[in-house]
Every structure is written in C-alpha cells, then in structure tokens.
Amino acid sequence: MKAIAAIFAATIALALSACNTVQGVGQDIQKGGQVLEDAAKKK
C-alpha cells in the first residue's frame, strides 16, 4: 500500500509540474487516479 501511495504522489507531482491550465490539472489527476485504480486491481 505504501508503494501505491508513493507512485500516486509522484504521479501527482509530475502532473502538476507538466500542466498549465486548470483543465490540464483535472486531466492529470484523473490519469493518476486511473494508475492507482489499475494497481489496486492487480493485487
């Protein structure tokens, strides 16, 4: 679970540094959530 949280935090940090608009932030957060969801399904 700690690994998933670390991956999620890293994804959010990268997403926030890579986007320039509020809409972009929303899309990046959604993608980060999808990664987290996919990781949870694999367990």
N, C-alpha and C. Protein backbone atom coordinates (compact mmCIF):
# COMPACT_ATOMS: atom_id res chain seq x y z
N MET A 1 0.83 -1.19 0.00
CA MET A 1 0.00 0.00 0.00
C MET A 1 0.87 1.25 0.00
N LYS A 2 2.00 1.21 0.72
CA LYS A 2 2.88 2.37 0.74
C LYS A 2 3.47 2.63 -0.63
N ALA A 3 3.75 1.56 -1.39
CA ALA A 3 4.30 1.73 -2.73
C ALA A 3 3.28 2.41 -3.65
N ILE A 4 2.03 2.02 -3.51
CA ILE A 4 0.97 2.62 -4.33
C ILE A 4 0.84 4.10 -3.99
N ALA A 5 0.90 4.43 -2.71
CA ALA A 5 0.80 5.83 -2.29
C ALA A 5 1.98 6.63 -2.83
N ALA A 6 3.16 6.05 -2.83
CA ALA A 6 4.35 6.74 -3.34
C ALA A 6 4.22 6.97 -4.85
N ILE A 7 3.74 5.98 -5.57
CA ILE A 7 3.54 6.12 -7.01
C ILE A 7 2.51 7.21 -7.29
N PHE A 8 1.43 7.20 -6.53
CA PHE A 8 0.38 8.20 -6.71
C PHE A 8 0.92 9.61 -6.44
N ALA A 9 1.70 9.77 -5.37
CA ALA A 9 2.26 11.08 -5.04
C ALA A 9 3.22 11.55 -6.13
N ALA A 10 4.03 10.65 -6.65
CA ALA A 10 4.96 11.00 -7.71
C ALA A 10 4.21 11.40 -8.98
N THR A 11 3.15 10.68 -9.27
CA THR A 11 2.34 10.99 -10.45
C THR A 11 1.72 12.38 -10.33
N ILE A 12 1.19 12.67 -9.17
CA ILE A 12 0.57 13.98 -8.95
C ILE A 12 1.62 15.09 -9.06
N ALA A 13 2.79 14.87 -8.49
CA ALA A 13 3.84 15.88 -8.57
C ALA A 13 4.24 16.14 -10.02
N LEU A 14 4.40 15.08 -10.79
CA LEU A 14 4.76 15.24 -12.20
C LEU A 14 3.63 15.90 -12.99
N ALA A 15 2.41 15.50 -12.68
CA ALA A 15 1.26 16.06 -13.39
C ALA A 15 1.14 17.56 -13.14
N LEU A 16 1.31 17.96 -11.90
CA LEU A 16 1.18 19.38 -11.57
C LEU A 16 2.29 20.21 -12.19
N SER A 17 3.46 19.63 -12.34
CA SER A 17 4.57 20.38 -12.93
C SER A 17 4.48 20.43 -14.45
N ALA A 18 3.70 19.54 -15.05
CA ALA A 18 3.66 19.44 -16.50
C ALA A 18 2.48 20.18 -17.14
N CYS A 19 1.47 20.55 -16.38
CA CYS A 19 0.29 21.16 -17.00
C CYS A 19 0.22 22.65 -16.71
N ASN A 20 -0.48 23.38 -17.59
CA ASN A 20 -0.54 24.83 -17.47
C ASN A 20 -1.94 25.37 -17.18
N THR A 21 -2.95 24.53 -17.27
CA THR A 21 -4.31 25.02 -17.09
C THR A 21 -5.05 24.22 -16.04
N VAL A 22 -6.13 24.76 -15.54
CA VAL A 22 -6.96 24.06 -14.56
C VAL A 22 -7.51 22.78 -15.18
N GLN A 23 -7.91 22.85 -16.43
CA GLN A 23 -8.42 21.66 -17.12
C GLN A 23 -7.32 20.61 -17.21
N GLY A 24 -6.12 21.02 -17.47
CA GLY A 24 -4.99 20.09 -17.54
C GLY A 24 -4.73 19.42 -16.21
N VAL A 25 -4.87 20.18 -15.13
CA VAL A 25 -4.69 19.60 -13.79
C VAL A 25 -5.73 18.51 -13.57
N GLY A 26 -6.96 18.79 -13.91
CA GLY A 26 -8.03 17.80 -13.74
C GLY A 26 -7.75 16.53 -14.52
N GLN A 27 -7.29 16.68 -15.75
CA GLN A 27 -6.98 15.51 -16.57
C GLN A 27 -5.82 14.73 -15.99
N ASP A 28 -4.81 15.43 -15.51
CA ASP A 28 -3.65 14.76 -14.93
C ASP A 28 -4.02 14.01 -13.65
N ILE A 29 -4.86 14.61 -12.82
CA ILE A 29 -5.30 13.95 -11.59
C ILE A 29 -6.12 12.71 -11.93
N GLN A 30 -6.94 12.83 -12.95
CA GLN A 30 -7.74 11.69 -13.38
C GLN A 30 -6.85 10.54 -13.84
N LYS A 31 -5.81 10.86 -14.60
CA LYS A 31 -4.88 9.83 -15.06
C LYS A 31 -4.15 9.19 -13.88
N GLY A 32 -3.77 10.00 -12.89
CA GLY A 32 -3.13 9.47 -11.69
C GLY A 32 -4.05 8.54 -10.93
N GLY A 33 -5.31 8.89 -10.85
CA GLY A 33 -6.30 8.03 -10.20
C GLY A 33 -6.48 6.73 -10.95
N GLN A 34 -6.42 6.79 -12.26
CA GLN A 34 -6.55 5.57 -13.08
C GLN A 34 -5.37 4.63 -12.83
N VAL A 35 -4.17 5.20 -12.72
CA VAL A 35 -2.98 4.39 -12.43
C VAL A 35 -3.14 3.71 -11.08
N LEU A 36 -3.61 4.45 -10.09
CA LEU A 36 -3.82 3.91 -8.75
C LEU A 36 -4.88 2.80 -8.79
N GLU A 37 -5.96 3.02 -9.51
CA GLU A 37 -7.03 2.03 -9.63
C GLU A 37 -6.52 0.76 -10.30
N ASP A 38 -5.76 0.91 -11.36
CA ASP A 38 -5.21 -0.24 -12.06
C ASP A 38 -4.25 -1.04 -11.17
N ALA A 39 -3.46 -0.35 -10.38
CA ALA A 39 -2.53 -1.02 -9.47
C ALA A 39 -3.31 -1.80 -8.41
N ALA A 40 -4.40 -1.23 -7.93
CA ALA A 40 -5.21 -1.90 -6.91
C ALA A 40 -5.89 -3.15 -7.48
N LYS A 41 -6.28 -3.11 -8.74
CA LYS A 41 -6.94 -4.26 -9.37
C LYS A 41 -5.97 -5.42 -9.55
N LYS A 42 -4.69 -5.13 -9.70
CA LYS A 42 -3.70 -6.18 -9.92
C LYS A 42 -3.44 -7.00 -8.65
N LYS A 43 -3.77 -6.46 -7.49
CA LYS A 43 -3.50 -7.16 -6.23
C LYS A 43 -4.61 -8.10 -5.87
